C-alpha atoms as a PDB file:
ATOM      1  CA  UNK A   1      71.766  34.608 -42.114  1.00  0.00           C
ATOM      2  CA  UNK A   2      70.026  32.331 -44.625  1.00  0.00           C
ATOM      3  CA  UNK A   3      68.421  29.192 -43.255  1.00  0.00           C
ATOM      4  CA  UNK A   4      68.772  26.235 -45.568  1.00  0.00           C
ATOM      5  CA  UNK A   5      67.323  22.777 -45.090  1.00  0.00           C
ATOM      6  CA  UNK A   6      64.025  21.331 -44.021  1.00  0.00           C
ATOM      7  CA  UNK A   7      62.680  21.283 -40.505  1.00  0.00           C
ATOM      8  CA  UNK A   8      62.641  17.904 -38.817  1.00  0.00           C
ATOM      9  CA  UNK A   9      59.965  16.728 -36.430  1.00  0.00           C
ATOM     10  CA  UNK A  10      62.336  17.528 -33.551  1.00  0.00           C
ATOM     11  CA  UNK A  11      62.886  21.058 -34.888  1.00  0.00           C
ATOM     12  CA  UNK A  12      59.142  21.682 -35.087  1.00  0.00           C
ATOM     13  CA  UNK A  13      58.522  20.217 -31.623  1.00  0.00           C
ATOM     14  CA  UNK A  14      61.270  22.404 -30.168  1.00  0.00           C
ATOM     15  CA  UNK A  15      59.799  25.517 -31.781  1.00  0.00           C
ATOM     16  CA  UNK A  16      56.321  24.686 -30.450  1.00  0.00           C
ATOM     17  CA  UNK A  17      57.668  24.111 -26.935  1.00  0.00           C
ATOM     18  CA  UNK A  18      59.613  27.386 -26.987  1.00  0.00           C
ATOM     19  CA  UNK A  19      56.516  29.242 -28.161  1.00  0.00           C
ATOM     20  CA  UNK A  20      54.460  27.654 -25.382  1.00  0.00           C
ATOM     21  CA  UNK A  21      57.217  28.526 -22.898  1.00  0.00           C
ATOM     22  CA  UNK A  22      57.009  32.223 -23.797  1.00  0.00           C
ATOM     23  CA  UNK A  23      53.195  32.217 -23.792  1.00  0.00           C
ATOM     24  CA  UNK A  24      53.047  30.444 -20.419  1.00  0.00           C
ATOM     25  CA  UNK A  25      55.456  32.933 -18.856  1.00  0.00           C
ATOM     26  CA  UNK A  26      53.465  35.948 -19.988  1.00  0.00           C
ATOM     27  CA  UNK A  27      50.199  34.372 -18.883  1.00  0.00           C
ATOM     28  CA  UNK A  28      51.813  33.696 -15.507  1.00  0.00           C
ATOM     29  CA  UNK A  29      53.108  37.266 -15.207  1.00  0.00           C
ATOM     30  CA  UNK A  30      49.681  38.676 -16.060  1.00  0.00           C
ATOM     31  CA  UNK A  31      47.882  36.295 -13.717  1.00  0.00           C
ATOM     32  CA  UNK A  32      50.280  36.992 -10.842  1.00  0.00           C
ATOM     33  CA  UNK A  33      49.949  40.730 -11.319  1.00  0.00           C
ATOM     34  CA  UNK A  34      46.164  40.430 -11.003  1.00  0.00           C
ATOM     35  CA  UNK A  35      46.419  38.048  -8.036  1.00  0.00           C
ATOM     36  CA  UNK A  36      48.786  40.450  -6.291  1.00  0.00           C
ATOM     37  CA  UNK A  37      46.145  43.144  -6.029  1.00  0.00           C
ATOM     38  CA  UNK A  38      44.368  43.672  -2.762  1.00  0.00           C
ATOM     39  CA  UNK A  39      45.320  41.428   0.146  1.00  0.00           C
ATOM     40  CA  UNK A  40      48.764  39.847   0.207  1.00  0.00           C
ATOM     41  CA  UNK A  41      48.878  36.181  -0.771  1.00  0.00           C
ATOM     42  CA  UNK A  42      51.890  34.100   0.204  1.00  0.00           C
ATOM     43  CA  UNK A  43      51.652  31.777  -2.788  1.00  0.00           C
ATOM     44  CA  UNK A  44      52.064  34.743  -5.176  1.00  0.00           C
ATOM     45  CA  UNK A  45      55.580  35.318  -3.858  1.00  0.00           C
ATOM     46  CA  UNK A  46      56.627  31.694  -4.419  1.00  0.00           C
ATOM     47  CA  UNK A  47      55.009  31.464  -7.850  1.00  0.00           C
ATOM     48  CA  UNK A  48      56.658  34.695  -8.981  1.00  0.00           C
ATOM     49  CA  UNK A  49      60.067  33.426  -7.874  1.00  0.00           C
ATOM     50  CA  UNK A  50      59.516  30.377 -10.110  1.00  0.00           C
ATOM     51  CA  UNK A  51      58.752  32.610 -13.111  1.00  0.00           C
ATOM     52  CA  UNK A  52      61.910  34.641 -12.432  1.00  0.00           C
ATOM     53  CA  UNK A  53      64.049  31.488 -12.275  1.00  0.00           C
ATOM     54  CA  UNK A  54      62.570  30.205 -15.539  1.00  0.00           C
ATOM     55  CA  UNK A  55      63.375  33.581 -17.098  1.00  0.00           C
ATOM     56  CA  UNK A  56      66.979  33.265 -15.922  1.00  0.00           C
ATOM     57  CA  UNK A  57      67.246  29.824 -17.537  1.00  0.00           C
ATOM     58  CA  UNK A  58      65.832  31.176 -20.787  1.00  0.00           C
ATOM     59  CA  UNK A  59      68.247  34.114 -20.870  1.00  0.00           C
ATOM     60  CA  UNK A  60      71.232  31.860 -20.212  1.00  0.00           C
ATOM     61  CA  UNK A  61      70.330  29.923 -23.369  1.00  0.00           C
ATOM     62  CA  UNK A  62      69.647  33.131 -25.305  1.00  0.00           C
ATOM     63  CA  UNK A  63      72.931  34.759 -24.277  1.00  0.00           C
ATOM     64  CA  UNK A  64      74.854  31.559 -25.035  1.00  0.00           C
ATOM     65  CA  UNK A  65      73.639  31.719 -28.643  1.00  0.00           C
ATOM     66  CA  UNK A  66      74.898  35.285 -29.034  1.00  0.00           C
ATOM     67  CA  UNK A  67      78.233  34.455 -27.401  1.00  0.00           C
ATOM     68  CA  UNK A  68      78.637  31.539 -29.821  1.00  0.00           C
ATOM     69  CA  UNK A  69      77.864  33.812 -32.783  1.00  0.00           C
ATOM     70  CA  UNK A  70      80.522  36.315 -31.704  1.00  0.00           C
ATOM     71  CA  UNK A  71      82.981  33.476 -31.137  1.00  0.00           C
ATOM     72  CA  UNK A  72      82.393  32.251 -34.685  1.00  0.00           C
ATOM     73  CA  UNK A  73      82.737  35.790 -36.043  1.00  0.00           C
ATOM     74  CA  UNK A  74      86.139  36.185 -34.349  1.00  0.00           C
ATOM     75  CA  UNK A  75      87.392  33.201 -36.318  1.00  0.00           C
ATOM     76  CA  UNK A  76      85.507  34.000 -39.539  1.00  0.00           C
ATOM     77  CA  UNK A  77      84.944  37.794 -39.709  1.00  0.00           C
ATOM     78  CA  UNK A  78      84.148  37.789 -43.431  1.00  0.00           C
ATOM     79  CA  UNK A  79      81.906  34.729 -43.436  1.00  0.00           C
ATOM     80  CA  UNK A  80      78.084  34.818 -43.406  1.00  0.00           C
ATOM     81  CA  UNK A  81      76.496  34.979 -39.981  1.00  0.00           C
ATOM     82  CA  UNK A  82      76.308  31.684 -38.127  1.00  0.00           C
ATOM     83  CA  UNK A  83      74.011  30.036 -35.577  1.00  0.00           C
ATOM     84  CA  UNK A  84      74.498  27.035 -33.317  1.00  0.00           C
ATOM     85  CA  UNK A  85      72.994  23.722 -34.506  1.00  0.00           C
ATOM     86  CA  UNK A  86      70.198  23.888 -31.930  1.00  0.00           C
ATOM     87  CA  UNK A  87      69.522  27.533 -32.816  1.00  0.00           C
ATOM     88  CA  UNK A  88      69.404  26.637 -36.502  1.00  0.00           C
ATOM     89  CA  UNK A  89      67.009  23.777 -35.791  1.00  0.00           C
ATOM     90  CA  UNK A  90      64.647  25.995 -33.808  1.00  0.00           C
ATOM     91  CA  UNK A  91      64.758  28.647 -36.542  1.00  0.00           C
ATOM     92  CA  UNK A  92      63.855  26.020 -39.137  1.00  0.00           C
ATOM     93  CA  UNK A  93      61.033  24.874 -36.883  1.00  0.00           C
ATOM     94  CA  UNK A  94      59.628  28.389 -36.581  1.00  0.00           C
ATOM     95  CA  UNK A  95      59.943  28.845 -40.328  1.00  0.00           C
ATOM     96  CA  UNK A  96      57.858  25.705 -40.806  1.00  0.00           C
ATOM     97  CA  UNK A  97      55.232  26.883 -38.302  1.00  0.00           C
ATOM     98  CA  UNK A  98      54.996  30.221 -40.101  1.00  0.00           C
ATOM     99  CA  UNK A  99      54.470  28.353 -43.399  1.00  0.00           C
ATOM    100  CA  UNK A 100      56.978  30.627 -45.092  1.00  0.00           C
ATOM    101  CA  UNK A 101      59.548  30.276 -47.840  1.00  0.00           C
ATOM    102  CA  UNK A 102      61.478  33.298 -46.568  1.00  0.00           C
ATOM    103  CA  UNK A 103      64.815  31.912 -45.393  1.00  0.00           C
ATOM    104  CA  UNK A 104      65.414  34.356 -42.520  1.00  0.00           C
ATOM    105  CA  UNK A 105      61.944  34.641 -41.002  1.00  0.00           C
ATOM    106  CA  UNK A 106      62.345  31.618 -38.733  1.00  0.00           C
ATOM    107  CA  UNK A 107      65.530  33.103 -37.293  1.00  0.00           C
ATOM    108  CA  UNK A 108      63.819  36.453 -36.653  1.00  0.00           C
ATOM    109  CA  UNK A 109      60.911  34.707 -34.904  1.00  0.00           C
ATOM    110  CA  UNK A 110      63.340  32.695 -32.771  1.00  0.00           C
ATOM    111  CA  UNK A 111      65.180  35.757 -31.497  1.00  0.00           C
ATOM    112  CA  UNK A 112      61.917  37.614 -30.871  1.00  0.00           C
ATOM    113  CA  UNK A 113      60.603  34.705 -28.775  1.00  0.00           C
ATOM    114  CA  UNK A 114      63.905  34.562 -26.873  1.00  0.00           C
ATOM    115  CA  UNK A 115      63.572  38.230 -25.995  1.00  0.00           C
ATOM    116  CA  UNK A 116      59.972  37.737 -24.870  1.00  0.00           C
ATOM    117  CA  UNK A 117      61.124  35.081 -22.386  1.00  0.00           C
ATOM    118  CA  UNK A 118      63.869  37.350 -21.049  1.00  0.00           C
ATOM    119  CA  UNK A 119      61.476  40.312 -20.747  1.00  0.00           C
ATOM    120  CA  UNK A 120      58.932  38.149 -18.902  1.00  0.00           C
ATOM    121  CA  UNK A 121      61.568  37.291 -16.307  1.00  0.00           C
ATOM    122  CA  UNK A 122      62.293  40.981 -15.746  1.00  0.00           C
ATOM    123  CA  UNK A 123      58.575  41.786 -15.603  1.00  0.00           C
ATOM    124  CA  UNK A 124      58.156  39.119 -12.916  1.00  0.00           C
ATOM    125  CA  UNK A 125      60.676  40.993 -10.742  1.00  0.00           C
ATOM    126  CA  UNK A 126      58.489  44.081 -11.119  1.00  0.00           C
ATOM    127  CA  UNK A 127      55.505  42.033  -9.927  1.00  0.00           C
ATOM    128  CA  UNK A 128      57.286  40.610  -6.891  1.00  0.00           C
ATOM    129  CA  UNK A 129      58.432  44.080  -5.780  1.00  0.00           C
ATOM    130  CA  UNK A 130      55.098  45.813  -6.393  1.00  0.00           C
ATOM    131  CA  UNK A 131      54.384  45.804  -2.633  1.00  0.00           C
ATOM    132  CA  UNK A 132      57.731  47.370  -1.832  1.00  0.00           C
ATOM    133  CA  UNK A 133      58.555  49.988  -4.444  1.00  0.00           C
ATOM    134  CA  UNK A 134      61.508  51.569  -2.686  1.00  0.00           C
ATOM    135  CA  UNK A 135      63.843  48.608  -2.958  1.00  0.00           C
ATOM    136  CA  UNK A 136      66.957  48.641  -5.101  1.00  0.00           C
ATOM    137  CA  UNK A 137      65.642  45.469  -6.691  1.00  0.00           C
ATOM    138  CA  UNK A 138      62.706  47.336  -8.198  1.00  0.00           C
ATOM    139  CA  UNK A 139      64.866  50.220  -9.421  1.00  0.00           C
ATOM    140  CA  UNK A 140      67.163  47.864 -11.321  1.00  0.00           C
ATOM    141  CA  UNK A 141      64.237  45.782 -12.570  1.00  0.00           C
ATOM    142  CA  UNK A 142      62.577  48.893 -13.969  1.00  0.00           C
ATOM    143  CA  UNK A 143      65.787  49.770 -15.771  1.00  0.00           C
ATOM    144  CA  UNK A 144      65.951  46.246 -17.188  1.00  0.00           C
ATOM    145  CA  UNK A 145      62.337  46.281 -18.346  1.00  0.00           C
ATOM    146  CA  UNK A 146      62.856  49.561 -20.189  1.00  0.00           C
ATOM    147  CA  UNK A 147      66.032  48.390 -21.896  1.00  0.00           C
ATOM    148  CA  UNK A 148      64.762  44.924 -22.746  1.00  0.00           C
ATOM    149  CA  UNK A 149      61.456  46.389 -23.867  1.00  0.00           C
ATOM    150  CA  UNK A 150      63.275  48.572 -26.394  1.00  0.00           C
ATOM    151  CA  UNK A 151      65.356  45.584 -27.474  1.00  0.00           C
ATOM    152  CA  UNK A 152      62.161  43.568 -27.872  1.00  0.00           C
ATOM    153  CA  UNK A 153      60.674  46.274 -30.094  1.00  0.00           C
ATOM    154  CA  UNK A 154      63.809  46.065 -32.230  1.00  0.00           C
ATOM    155  CA  UNK A 155      63.285  42.338 -32.730  1.00  0.00           C
ATOM    156  CA  UNK A 156      59.579  42.891 -33.375  1.00  0.00           C
ATOM    157  CA  UNK A 157      60.491  45.366 -36.123  1.00  0.00           C
ATOM    158  CA  UNK A 158      63.016  42.953 -37.640  1.00  0.00           C
ATOM    159  CA  UNK A 159      60.528  40.075 -37.584  1.00  0.00           C
ATOM    160  CA  UNK A 160      57.515  41.960 -38.936  1.00  0.00           C
ATOM    161  CA  UNK A 161      59.476  43.668 -41.712  1.00  0.00           C
ATOM    162  CA  UNK A 162      60.591  40.293 -43.079  1.00  0.00           C
ATOM    163  CA  UNK A 163      57.145  38.761 -42.549  1.00  0.00           C
ATOM    164  CA  UNK A 164      55.463  41.625 -44.430  1.00  0.00           C
ATOM    165  CA  UNK A 165      57.745  41.326 -47.437  1.00  0.00           C
ATOM    166  CA  UNK A 166      60.697  43.670 -46.934  1.00  0.00           C
ATOM    167  CA  UNK A 167      63.801  42.731 -48.905  1.00  0.00           C
ATOM    168  CA  UNK A 168      65.727  42.600 -45.661  1.00  0.00           C
ATOM    169  CA  UNK A 169      65.006  43.071 -41.971  1.00  0.00           C
ATOM    170  CA  UNK A 170      64.404  46.664 -40.902  1.00  0.00           C
ATOM    171  CA  UNK A 171      65.612  47.859 -37.516  1.00  0.00           C
ATOM    172  CA  UNK A 172      68.339  49.681 -35.640  1.00  0.00           C
ATOM    173  CA  UNK A 173      70.691  46.732 -36.101  1.00  0.00           C
ATOM    174  CA  UNK A 174      70.402  46.971 -39.901  1.00  0.00           C
ATOM    175  CA  UNK A 175      70.375  50.789 -40.150  1.00  0.00           C
ATOM    176  CA  UNK A 176      66.689  50.412 -41.052  1.00  0.00           C
ATOM    177  CA  UNK A 177      67.547  48.251 -44.055  1.00  0.00           C
ATOM    178  CA  UNK A 178      70.116  50.667 -45.503  1.00  0.00           C
ATOM    179  CA  UNK A 179      73.140  48.422 -44.900  1.00  0.00           C
ATOM    180  CA  UNK A 180      73.787  46.159 -47.878  1.00  0.00           C
ATOM    181  CA  UNK A 181      74.064  42.422 -47.170  1.00  0.00           C
ATOM    182  CA  UNK A 182      77.652  41.331 -46.662  1.00  0.00           C
ATOM    183  CA  UNK A 183      80.422  41.219 -44.042  1.00  0.00           C
ATOM    184  CA  UNK A 184      79.725  44.806 -42.926  1.00  0.00           C
ATOM    185  CA  UNK A 185      76.078  44.133 -42.105  1.00  0.00           C
ATOM    186  CA  UNK A 186      76.929  40.807 -40.499  1.00  0.00           C
ATOM    187  CA  UNK A 187      79.597  42.353 -38.280  1.00  0.00           C
ATOM    188  CA  UNK A 188      77.410  45.247 -37.200  1.00  0.00           C
ATOM    189  CA  UNK A 189      74.362  43.108 -36.469  1.00  0.00           C
ATOM    190  CA  UNK A 190      76.201  40.304 -34.647  1.00  0.00           C
ATOM    191  CA  UNK A 191      77.967  42.726 -32.347  1.00  0.00           C
ATOM    192  CA  UNK A 192      74.917  44.992 -31.892  1.00  0.00           C
ATOM    193  CA  UNK A 193      72.775  42.163 -30.537  1.00  0.00           C
ATOM    194  CA  UNK A 194      75.643  40.660 -28.531  1.00  0.00           C
ATOM    195  CA  UNK A 195      76.323  43.935 -26.715  1.00  0.00           C
ATOM    196  CA  UNK A 196      72.606  44.553 -26.136  1.00  0.00           C
ATOM    197  CA  UNK A 197      72.197  41.096 -24.586  1.00  0.00           C
ATOM    198  CA  UNK A 198      75.327  41.405 -22.446  1.00  0.00           C
ATOM    199  CA  UNK A 199      74.178  44.761 -21.040  1.00  0.00           C
ATOM    200  CA  UNK A 200      70.670  43.396 -20.434  1.00  0.00           C
ATOM    201  CA  UNK A 201      72.085  40.288 -18.747  1.00  0.00           C
ATOM    202  CA  UNK A 202      74.324  42.385 -16.481  1.00  0.00           C
ATOM    203  CA  UNK A 203      71.329  44.485 -15.425  1.00  0.00           C
ATOM    204  CA  UNK A 204      69.352  41.299 -14.766  1.00  0.00           C
ATOM    205  CA  UNK A 205      72.227  39.862 -12.711  1.00  0.00           C
ATOM    206  CA  UNK A 206      72.455  43.034 -10.584  1.00  0.00           C
ATOM    207  CA  UNK A 207      68.673  42.925 -10.139  1.00  0.00           C
ATOM    208  CA  UNK A 208      68.862  39.338  -8.898  1.00  0.00           C
ATOM    209  CA  UNK A 209      71.719  40.238  -6.567  1.00  0.00           C
ATOM    210  CA  UNK A 210      69.602  42.923  -4.917  1.00  0.00           C
ATOM    211  CA  UNK A 211      66.585  40.583  -4.874  1.00  0.00           C
ATOM    212  CA  UNK A 212      68.653  38.071  -2.925  1.00  0.00           C
ATOM    213  CA  UNK A 213      69.863  40.715  -0.466  1.00  0.00           C
ATOM    214  CA  UNK A 214      66.370  42.192   0.027  1.00  0.00           C
ATOM    215  CA  UNK A 215      64.486  38.887  -0.075  1.00  0.00           C
ATOM    216  CA  UNK A 216      63.429  39.030   3.604  1.00  0.00           C
ATOM    217  CA  UNK A 217      62.099  42.550   3.280  1.00  0.00           C
ATOM    218  CA  UNK A 218      60.207  41.697   0.086  1.00  0.00           C
ATOM    219  CA  UNK A 219      58.908  38.356   1.373  1.00  0.00           C
ATOM    220  CA  UNK A 220      57.638  39.995   4.557  1.00  0.00           C
ATOM    221  CA  UNK A 221      55.169  42.080   2.549  1.00  0.00           C
ATOM    222  CA  UNK A 222      53.505  38.827   1.425  1.00  0.00           C
ATOM    223  CA  UNK A 223      53.282  37.411   4.954  1.00  0.00           C
ATOM    224  CA  UNK A 224      51.279  40.227   6.451  1.00  0.00           C
ATOM    225  CA  UNK A 225      54.055  41.377   8.735  1.00  0.00           C
ATOM    226  CA  UNK A 226      55.943  44.599   8.805  1.00  0.00           C
ATOM    227  CA  UNK A 227      59.647  44.746   8.100  1.00  0.00           C
ATOM    228  CA  UNK A 228      61.515  44.498  11.335  1.00  0.00           C
ATOM    229  CA  UNK A 229      62.939  47.741  12.616  1.00  0.00           C
ATOM    230  CA  UNK A 230      64.914  48.740  15.662  1.00  0.00           C
ATOM    231  CA  UNK A 231      62.520  50.029  18.318  1.00  0.00           C
ATOM    232  CA  UNK A 232      63.085  53.528  19.540  1.00  0.00           C
ATOM    233  CA  UNK A 233      64.659  53.750  22.938  1.00  0.00           C
ATOM    234  CA  UNK A 234      62.474  55.653  25.371  1.00  0.00           C
ATOM    235  CA  UNK A 235      64.282  57.578  28.058  1.00  0.00           C
ATOM    236  CA  UNK A 236      63.246  56.621  31.555  1.00  0.00           C
ATOM    237  CA  UNK A 237      62.787  59.502  33.993  1.00  0.00           C
ATOM    238  CA  UNK A 238      65.599  59.635  36.494  1.00  0.00           C
ATOM    239  CA  UNK A 239      64.535  59.430  40.079  1.00  0.00           C
ATOM    240  CA  UNK A 240      65.845  62.111  42.365  1.00  0.00           C
ATOM    241  CA  UNK A 241      67.317  60.933  45.621  1.00  0.00           C
ATOM    242  CA  UNK A 242      67.117  63.240  48.544  1.00  0.00           C
ATOM    243  CA  UNK A 243      68.998  62.782  51.719  1.00  0.00           C
ATOM    244  CA  UNK A 244      68.001  64.177  55.015  1.00  0.00           C
ATOM    245  CA  UNK A 245      70.226  64.953  57.859  1.00  0.00           C
END
């Protein structure tokens, strides 16, 4: 997926903002995790919800890029891989920030940053459920963190291999650099990352569904009150009635 052209001021600004977005989310996740220790604080719940929502917005944009790439592939299966105009601009911007002449490095950085934003959103769900670890929300969030963490390591490998001088990106989606450039590699890589993002997005959606259903139970742990339960019914002793004649 060669990137040709020069980055404009808008491309560079967009890349900087996206980088700051990812950094801010991870700083927020780390700060909220620390703040959530000890006594419950109500503001931690609200702030964590904001981080989760921002992560959802980021993943919608990330998934849209992969859907667009698959859509282009369906119409041009033998053509070089393609990116949307805004994706191309951001990749050019990251290439400029990295001060590199390697045509694919900006694209690898872009997808790595996108995965960091998605992973931060999932990690925020882990933070918000840390006071109630038996919820379905936490179980699905843990699954999502594991999967997206592995996917993030894949993108880290792809990015670093190009940055350190490999002839082509090295990772699971390139058969560790063994697949020769061409339609075969393009097809495999486009679909590999599309399927990985769809599965991750489905897990995230199920996690959010359970978070919505269990929101009262989870929020209660930040308000210093116990989750409401049905009180046990205590049997009253029956009085014996005696009659006298």
